[in-house]
Amino acid sequence: PEVMATVEVSVYNLLGRKLWSSSVTGRSDMFLTVPVTWNLCDESGRRVSRGIYIYRATVTTDGQTHQTASQRIAVAAP
């Protein structure tokens, strides 16, 4: 609680190609998180098509990685 946290989120297609990533640093406590927003565009600025993607989130505090998780995310609207 009450630490500076860096949250890095990367989005990949099902072939494993990285489409987008972002890193945000902010103060985190027991009840608040550091928000990361994806505008559904790839790193070239093109809108991704609908489908299933994989995202990986990594939380780092004080230079130590504390948590890494990967999940699927569905993009449904054009």
PDB file of N, CA and C in Angstrom:
ATOM      1  N   PRO A   1       0.808  -1.207   0.000  1.00  0.00           N
ATOM      2  CA  PRO A   1       0.000   0.000   0.000  1.00  0.00           C
ATOM      3  C   PRO A   1       0.851   1.270   0.000  1.00  0.00           C
ATOM      4  N   GLU A   2       0.287   2.320  -0.586  1.00  0.00           N
ATOM      5  CA  GLU A   2       0.953   3.627  -0.623  1.00  0.00           C
ATOM      6  C   GLU A   2       2.344   3.565  -1.243  1.00  0.00           C
ATOM      7  N   VAL A   3       2.444   2.955  -2.411  1.00  0.00           N
ATOM      8  CA  VAL A   3       3.723   2.873  -3.121  1.00  0.00           C
ATOM      9  C   VAL A   3       3.523   3.396  -4.535  1.00  0.00           C
ATOM     10  N   MET A   4       4.615   3.769  -5.167  1.00  0.00           N
ATOM     11  CA  MET A   4       4.583   4.113  -6.582  1.00  0.00           C
ATOM     12  C   MET A   4       4.652   2.800  -7.366  1.00  0.00           C
ATOM     13  N   ALA A   5       3.685   2.595  -8.222  1.00  0.00           N
ATOM     14  CA  ALA A   5       3.612   1.363  -9.000  1.00  0.00           C
ATOM     15  C   ALA A   5       3.674   1.697 -10.480  1.00  0.00           C
ATOM     16  N   THR A   6       4.345   0.850 -11.230  1.00  0.00           N
ATOM     17  CA  THR A   6       4.378   0.947 -12.680  1.00  0.00           C
ATOM     18  C   THR A   6       3.602  -0.239 -13.230  1.00  0.00           C
ATOM     19  N   VAL A   7       2.609   0.041 -14.042  1.00  0.00           N
ATOM     20  CA  VAL A   7       1.794  -0.996 -14.658  1.00  0.00           C
ATOM     21  C   VAL A   7       2.079  -0.968 -16.152  1.00  0.00           C
ATOM     22  N   GLU A   8       2.521  -2.082 -16.685  1.00  0.00           N
ATOM     23  CA  GLU A   8       2.774  -2.199 -18.120  1.00  0.00           C
ATOM     24  C   GLU A   8       1.800  -3.214 -18.689  1.00  0.00           C
ATOM     25  N   VAL A   9       1.092  -2.811 -19.746  1.00  0.00           N
ATOM     26  CA  VAL A   9       0.128  -3.680 -20.407  1.00  0.00           C
ATOM     27  C   VAL A   9       0.518  -3.790 -21.869  1.00  0.00           C
ATOM     28  N   SER A  10       0.575  -5.020 -22.362  1.00  0.00           N
ATOM     29  CA  SER A  10       0.855  -5.285 -23.779  1.00  0.00           C
ATOM     30  C   SER A  10      -0.276  -6.135 -24.334  1.00  0.00           C
ATOM     31  N   VAL A  11      -0.677  -5.853 -25.574  1.00  0.00           N
ATOM     32  CA  VAL A  11      -1.739  -6.594 -26.242  1.00  0.00           C
ATOM     33  C   VAL A  11      -1.137  -7.296 -27.450  1.00  0.00           C
ATOM     34  N   TYR A  12      -1.469  -8.579 -27.599  1.00  0.00           N
ATOM     35  CA  TYR A  12      -0.929  -9.419 -28.672  1.00  0.00           C
ATOM     36  C   TYR A  12      -2.081 -10.033 -29.457  1.00  0.00           C
ATOM     37  N   ASN A  13      -1.836 -10.299 -30.751  1.00  0.00           N
ATOM     38  CA  ASN A  13      -2.821 -11.075 -31.497  1.00  0.00           C
ATOM     39  C   ASN A  13      -2.598 -12.552 -31.182  1.00  0.00           C
ATOM     40  N   LEU A  14      -3.433 -13.417 -31.723  1.00  0.00           N
ATOM     41  CA  LEU A  14      -3.332 -14.842 -31.388  1.00  0.00           C
ATOM     42  C   LEU A  14      -2.104 -15.516 -31.984  1.00  0.00           C
ATOM     43  N   LEU A  15      -1.410 -14.833 -32.890  1.00  0.00           N
ATOM     44  CA  LEU A  15      -0.156 -15.362 -33.431  1.00  0.00           C
ATOM     45  C   LEU A  15       1.043 -14.938 -32.586  1.00  0.00           C
ATOM     46  N   GLY A  16       0.804 -14.130 -31.562  1.00  0.00           N
ATOM     47  CA  GLY A  16       1.871 -13.697 -30.668  1.00  0.00           C
ATOM     48  C   GLY A  16       2.537 -12.393 -31.058  1.00  0.00           C
ATOM     49  N   ARG A  17       2.024 -11.710 -32.062  1.00  0.00           N
ATOM     50  CA  ARG A  17       2.597 -10.433 -32.495  1.00  0.00           C
ATOM     51  C   ARG A  17       2.080  -9.311 -31.603  1.00  0.00           C
ATOM     52  N   LYS A  18       3.010  -8.515 -31.047  1.00  0.00           N
ATOM     53  CA  LYS A  18       2.597  -7.416 -30.184  1.00  0.00           C
ATOM     54  C   LYS A  18       1.959  -6.324 -31.015  1.00  0.00           C
ATOM     55  N   LEU A  19       0.744  -5.921 -30.614  1.00  0.00           N
ATOM     56  CA  LEU A  19       0.009  -4.884 -31.325  1.00  0.00           C
ATOM     57  C   LEU A  19       0.119  -3.532 -30.643  1.00  0.00           C
ATOM     58  N   TRP A  20       0.171  -3.531 -29.315  1.00  0.00           N
ATOM     59  CA  TRP A  20       0.131  -2.275 -28.571  1.00  0.00           C
ATOM     60  C   TRP A  20       0.704  -2.517 -27.185  1.00  0.00           C
ATOM     61  N   SER A  21       1.323  -1.505 -26.617  1.00  0.00           N
ATOM     62  CA  SER A  21       1.764  -1.583 -25.225  1.00  0.00           C
ATOM     63  C   SER A  21       1.778  -0.182 -24.628  1.00  0.00           C
ATOM     64  N   SER A  22       1.636  -0.141 -23.314  1.00  0.00           N
ATOM     65  CA  SER A  22       1.648   1.115 -22.596  1.00  0.00           C
ATOM     66  C   SER A  22       2.158   0.869 -21.193  1.00  0.00           C
ATOM     67  N   SER A  23       2.816   1.872 -20.650  1.00  0.00           N
ATOM     68  CA  SER A  23       3.321   1.799 -19.288  1.00  0.00           C
ATOM     69  C   SER A  23       2.885   3.060 -18.557  1.00  0.00           C
ATOM     70  N   VAL A  24       2.283   2.888 -17.375  1.00  0.00           N
ATOM     71  CA  VAL A  24       1.769   3.996 -16.583  1.00  0.00           C
ATOM     72  C   VAL A  24       2.314   3.866 -15.171  1.00  0.00           C
ATOM     73  N   THR A  25       2.773   4.987 -14.613  1.00  0.00           N
ATOM     74  CA  THR A  25       3.275   4.998 -13.240  1.00  0.00           C
ATOM     75  C   THR A  25       2.386   5.912 -12.407  1.00  0.00           C
ATOM     76  N   GLY A  26       2.039   5.436 -11.218  1.00  0.00           N
ATOM     77  CA  GLY A  26       1.211   6.236 -10.330  1.00  0.00           C
ATOM     78  C   GLY A  26       1.196   5.651  -8.933  1.00  0.00           C
ATOM     79  N   ARG A  27       0.636   6.393  -8.008  1.00  0.00           N
ATOM     80  CA  ARG A  27       0.555   5.941  -6.627  1.00  0.00           C
ATOM     81  C   ARG A  27      -0.584   4.944  -6.499  1.00  0.00           C
ATOM     82  N   SER A  28      -0.325   3.868  -5.805  1.00  0.00           N
ATOM     83  CA  SER A  28      -1.314   2.822  -5.608  1.00  0.00           C
ATOM     84  C   SER A  28      -1.500   2.580  -4.120  1.00  0.00           C
ATOM     85  N   ASP A  29      -2.724   2.261  -3.734  1.00  0.00           N
ATOM     86  CA  ASP A  29      -2.955   1.863  -2.350  1.00  0.00           C
ATOM     87  C   ASP A  29      -3.868   0.637  -2.350  1.00  0.00           C
ATOM     88  N   MET A  30      -4.378   0.281  -1.214  1.00  0.00           N
ATOM     89  CA  MET A  30      -5.178  -0.944  -1.096  1.00  0.00           C
ATOM     90  C   MET A  30      -6.475  -0.886  -1.908  1.00  0.00           C
ATOM     91  N   PHE A  31      -7.000   0.309  -2.182  1.00  0.00           N
ATOM     92  CA  PHE A  31      -8.310   0.417  -2.803  1.00  0.00           C
ATOM     93  C   PHE A  31      -8.290   1.042  -4.188  1.00  0.00           C
ATOM     94  N   LEU A  32      -7.176   1.643  -4.588  1.00  0.00           N
ATOM     95  CA  LEU A  32      -7.079   2.293  -5.880  1.00  0.00           C
ATOM     96  C   LEU A  32      -6.025   1.611  -6.728  1.00  0.00           C
ATOM     97  N   THR A  33      -6.203   1.663  -8.027  1.00  0.00           N
ATOM     98  CA  THR A  33      -5.227   1.090  -8.937  1.00  0.00           C
ATOM     99  C   THR A  33      -4.742   2.171  -9.895  1.00  0.00           C
ATOM    100  N   VAL A  34      -3.749   1.820 -10.668  1.00  0.00           N
ATOM    101  CA  VAL A  34      -3.224   2.721 -11.692  1.00  0.00           C
ATOM    102  C   VAL A  34      -3.922   2.349 -13.004  1.00  0.00           C
ATOM    103  N   PRO A  35      -4.789   3.222 -13.555  1.00  0.00           N
ATOM    104  CA  PRO A  35      -5.535   2.869 -14.767  1.00  0.00           C
ATOM    105  C   PRO A  35      -4.679   2.908 -16.026  1.00  0.00           C
ATOM    106  N   VAL A  36      -4.937   1.959 -16.908  1.00  0.00           N
ATOM    107  CA  VAL A  36      -4.309   1.913 -18.233  1.00  0.00           C
ATOM    108  C   VAL A  36      -5.450   1.834 -19.242  1.00  0.00           C
ATOM    109  N   THR A  37      -5.440   2.721 -20.236  1.00  0.00           N
ATOM    110  CA  THR A  37      -6.526   2.777 -21.213  1.00  0.00           C
ATOM    111  C   THR A  37      -5.995   2.446 -22.603  1.00  0.00           C
ATOM    112  N   TRP A  38      -6.698   1.542 -23.297  1.00  0.00           N
ATOM    113  CA  TRP A  38      -6.350   1.171 -24.670  1.00  0.00           C
ATOM    114  C   TRP A  38      -7.448   1.706 -25.584  1.00  0.00           C
ATOM    115  N   ASN A  39      -7.066   2.439 -26.620  1.00  0.00           N
ATOM    116  CA  ASN A  39      -8.043   3.014 -27.549  1.00  0.00           C
ATOM    117  C   ASN A  39      -8.401   2.069 -28.697  1.00  0.00           C
ATOM    118  N   LEU A  40      -8.040   0.807 -28.578  1.00  0.00           N
ATOM    119  CA  LEU A  40      -8.328  -0.248 -29.558  1.00  0.00           C
ATOM    120  C   LEU A  40      -7.622  -0.038 -30.891  1.00  0.00           C
ATOM    121  N   CYS A  41      -6.502   0.693 -30.860  1.00  0.00           N
ATOM    122  CA  CYS A  41      -5.678   0.878 -32.057  1.00  0.00           C
ATOM    123  C   CYS A  41      -4.338   0.195 -31.837  1.00  0.00           C
ATOM    124  N   ASP A  42      -3.711  -0.231 -32.940  1.00  0.00           N
ATOM    125  CA  ASP A  42      -2.383  -0.821 -32.811  1.00  0.00           C
ATOM    126  C   ASP A  42      -1.341   0.295 -32.730  1.00  0.00           C
ATOM    127  N   GLU A  43      -0.070  -0.072 -32.675  1.00  0.00           N
ATOM    128  CA  GLU A  43       0.980   0.938 -32.522  1.00  0.00           C
ATOM    129  C   GLU A  43       1.124   1.831 -33.745  1.00  0.00           C
ATOM    130  N   SER A  44       0.536   1.426 -34.892  1.00  0.00           N
ATOM    131  CA  SER A  44       0.549   2.254 -36.099  1.00  0.00           C
ATOM    132  C   SER A  44      -0.635   3.207 -36.153  1.00  0.00           C
ATOM    133  N   GLY A  45      -1.551   3.097 -35.182  1.00  0.00           N
ATOM    134  CA  GLY A  45      -2.710   3.962 -35.150  1.00  0.00           C
ATOM    135  C   GLY A  45      -3.925   3.412 -35.865  1.00  0.00           C
ATOM    136  N   ARG A  46      -3.831   2.198 -36.393  1.00  0.00           N
ATOM    137  CA  ARG A  46      -4.974   1.579 -37.081  1.00  0.00           C
ATOM    138  C   ARG A  46      -5.851   0.857 -36.066  1.00  0.00           C
ATOM    139  N   ARG A  47      -7.139   0.939 -36.268  1.00  0.00           N
ATOM    140  CA  ARG A  47      -8.095   0.259 -35.392  1.00  0.00           C
ATOM    141  C   ARG A  47      -7.963  -1.243 -35.576  1.00  0.00           C
ATOM    142  N   VAL A  48      -7.894  -1.995 -34.484  1.00  0.00           N
ATOM    143  CA  VAL A  48      -7.806  -3.452 -34.596  1.00  0.00           C
ATOM    144  C   VAL A  48      -9.171  -3.998 -34.982  1.00  0.00           C
ATOM    145  N   SER A  49      -9.172  -5.124 -35.669  1.00  0.00           N
ATOM    146  CA  SER A  49     -10.439  -5.730 -36.068  1.00  0.00           C
ATOM    147  C   SER A  49     -11.040  -6.493 -34.893  1.00  0.00           C
ATOM    148  N   ARG A  50     -12.313  -6.819 -35.033  1.00  0.00           N
ATOM    149  CA  ARG A  50     -12.926  -7.558 -33.935  1.00  0.00           C
ATOM    150  C   ARG A  50     -12.305  -8.947 -33.841  1.00  0.00           C
ATOM    151  N   GLY A  51     -12.282  -9.446 -32.632  1.00  0.00           N
ATOM    152  CA  GLY A  51     -11.695 -10.749 -32.405  1.00  0.00           C
ATOM    153  C   GLY A  51     -11.176 -10.879 -30.985  1.00  0.00           C
ATOM    154  N   ILE A  52     -10.435 -11.937 -30.766  1.00  0.00           N
ATOM    155  CA  ILE A  52      -9.868 -12.242 -29.458  1.00  0.00           C
ATOM    156  C   ILE A  52      -8.390 -11.876 -29.467  1.00  0.00           C
ATOM    157  N   TYR A  53      -7.950 -11.232 -28.413  1.00  0.00           N
ATOM    158  CA  TYR A  53      -6.554 -10.832 -28.253  1.00  0.00           C
ATOM    159  C   TYR A  53      -6.085 -11.271 -26.873  1.00  0.00           C
ATOM    160  N   ILE A  54      -4.799 -11.306 -26.696  1.00  0.00           N
ATOM    161  CA  ILE A  54      -4.206 -11.657 -25.410  1.00  0.00           C
ATOM    162  C   ILE A  54      -3.554 -10.404 -24.848  1.00  0.00           C
ATOM    163  N   TYR A  55      -3.772 -10.145 -23.565  1.00  0.00           N
ATOM    164  CA  TYR A  55      -3.048  -9.041 -22.936  1.00  0.00           C
ATOM    165  C   TYR A  55      -2.239  -9.564 -21.766  1.00  0.00           C
ATOM    166  N   ARG A  56      -1.126  -8.914 -21.543  1.00  0.00           N
ATOM    167  CA  ARG A  56      -0.262  -9.249 -20.411  1.00  0.00           C
ATOM    168  C   ARG A  56      -0.057  -7.976 -19.606  1.00  0.00           C
ATOM    169  N   ALA A  57      -0.317  -8.063 -18.316  1.00  0.00           N
ATOM    170  CA  ALA A  57      -0.137  -6.930 -17.412  1.00  0.00           C
ATOM    171  C   ALA A  57       0.946  -7.286 -16.399  1.00  0.00           C
ATOM    172  N   THR A  58       1.855  -6.350 -16.172  1.00  0.00           N
ATOM    173  CA  THR A  58       2.937  -6.531 -15.208  1.00  0.00           C
ATOM    174  C   THR A  58       2.942  -5.342 -14.263  1.00  0.00           C
ATOM    175  N   VAL A  59       2.970  -5.629 -12.964  1.00  0.00           N
ATOM    176  CA  VAL A  59       3.019  -4.586 -11.948  1.00  0.00           C
ATOM    177  C   VAL A  59       4.389  -4.614 -11.296  1.00  0.00           C
ATOM    178  N   THR A  60       5.047  -3.450 -11.271  1.00  0.00           N
ATOM    179  CA  THR A  60       6.381  -3.326 -10.697  1.00  0.00           C
ATOM    180  C   THR A  60       6.374  -2.206  -9.663  1.00  0.00           C
ATOM    181  N   THR A  61       6.920  -2.487  -8.480  1.00  0.00           N
ATOM    182  CA  THR A  61       7.114  -1.455  -7.467  1.00  0.00           C
ATOM    183  C   THR A  61       8.535  -1.556  -6.955  1.00  0.00           C
ATOM    184  N   ASP A  62       9.162  -0.433  -6.736  1.00  0.00           N
ATOM    185  CA  ASP A  62      10.534  -0.373  -6.244  1.00  0.00           C
ATOM    186  C   ASP A  62      11.492  -1.215  -7.082  1.00  0.00           C
ATOM    187  N   GLY A  63      11.252  -1.272  -8.389  1.00  0.00           N
ATOM    188  CA  GLY A  63      12.138  -2.008  -9.286  1.00  0.00           C
ATOM    189  C   GLY A  63      11.979  -3.513  -9.238  1.00  0.00           C
ATOM    190  N   GLN A  64      11.009  -4.023  -8.487  1.00  0.00           N
ATOM    191  CA  GLN A  64      10.771  -5.461  -8.389  1.00  0.00           C
ATOM    192  C   GLN A  64       9.413  -5.799  -8.987  1.00  0.00           C
ATOM    193  N   THR A  65       9.383  -6.807  -9.838  1.00  0.00           N
ATOM    194  CA  THR A  65       8.124  -7.254 -10.420  1.00  0.00           C
ATOM    195  C   THR A  65       7.371  -8.073  -9.384  1.00  0.00           C
ATOM    196  N   HIS A  66       6.130  -7.667  -9.123  1.00  0.00           N
ATOM    197  CA  HIS A  66       5.346  -8.342  -8.099  1.00  0.00           C
ATOM    198  C   HIS A  66       4.251  -9.218  -8.676  1.00  0.00           C
ATOM    199  N   GLN A  67       3.764  -8.879  -9.842  1.00  0.00           N
ATOM    200  CA  GLN A  67       2.658  -9.653 -10.389  1.00  0.00           C
ATOM    201  C   GLN A  67       2.660  -9.549 -11.905  1.00  0.00           C
ATOM    202  N   THR A  68       2.494 -10.667 -12.579  1.00  0.00           N
ATOM    203  CA  THR A  68       2.323 -10.705 -14.019  1.00  0.00           C
ATOM    204  C   THR A  68       1.146 -11.622 -14.316  1.00  0.00           C
ATOM    205  N   ALA A  69       0.244 -11.165 -15.167  1.00  0.00           N
ATOM    206  CA  ALA A  69      -0.921 -11.971 -15.523  1.00  0.00           C
ATOM    207  C   ALA A  69      -1.221 -11.796 -16.998  1.00  0.00           C
ATOM    208  N   SER A  70      -1.719 -12.857 -17.617  1.00  0.00           N
ATOM    209  CA  SER A  70      -2.152 -12.818 -19.010  1.00  0.00           C
ATOM    210  C   SER A  70      -3.582 -13.317 -19.081  1.00  0.00           C
ATOM    211  N   GLN A  71      -4.374 -12.649 -19.899  1.00  0.00           N
ATOM    212  CA  GLN A  71      -5.777 -13.020 -20.078  1.00  0.00           C
ATOM    213  C   GLN A  71      -6.179 -12.718 -21.509  1.00  0.00           C
ATOM    214  N   ARG A  72      -7.344 -13.205 -21.877  1.00  0.00           N
ATOM    215  CA  ARG A  72      -7.910 -12.893 -23.190  1.00  0.00           C
ATOM    216  C   ARG A  72      -8.805 -11.675 -23.079  1.00  0.00           C
ATOM    217  N   ILE A  73      -8.878 -10.929 -24.169  1.00  0.00           N
ATOM    218  CA  ILE A  73      -9.783  -9.787 -24.235  1.00  0.00           C
ATOM    219  C   ILE A  73     -10.478  -9.847 -25.593  1.00  0.00           C
ATOM    220  N   ALA A  74     -11.774  -9.595 -25.606  1.00  0.00           N
ATOM    221  CA  ALA A  74     -12.544  -9.626 -26.838  1.00  0.00           C
ATOM    222  C   ALA A  74     -12.851  -8.212 -27.293  1.00  0.00           C
ATOM    223  N   VAL A  75     -12.609  -7.972 -28.568  1.00  0.00           N
ATOM    224  CA  VAL A  75     -12.987  -6.696 -29.186  1.00  0.00           C
ATOM    225  C   VAL A  75     -14.199  -7.007 -30.055  1.00  0.00           C
ATOM    226  N   ALA A  76     -15.340  -6.409 -29.714  1.00  0.00           N
ATOM    227  CA  ALA A  76     -16.577  -6.774 -30.377  1.00  0.00           C
ATOM    228  C   ALA A  76     -17.108  -5.726 -31.335  1.00  0.00           C
ATOM    229  N   ALA A  77     -16.950  -4.452 -31.009  1.00  0.00           N
ATOM    230  CA  ALA A  77     -17.527  -3.402 -31.833  1.00  0.00           C
ATOM    231  C   ALA A  77     -16.527  -2.936 -32.889  1.00  0.00           C
ATOM    232  N   PRO A  78     -17.022  -2.594 -34.075  1.00  0.00           N
ATOM    233  CA  PRO A  78     -16.111  -2.093 -35.119  1.00  0.00           C
ATOM    234  C   PRO A  78     -15.574  -0.718 -34.835  1.00  0.00           C
TER     235      PRO A  78
END
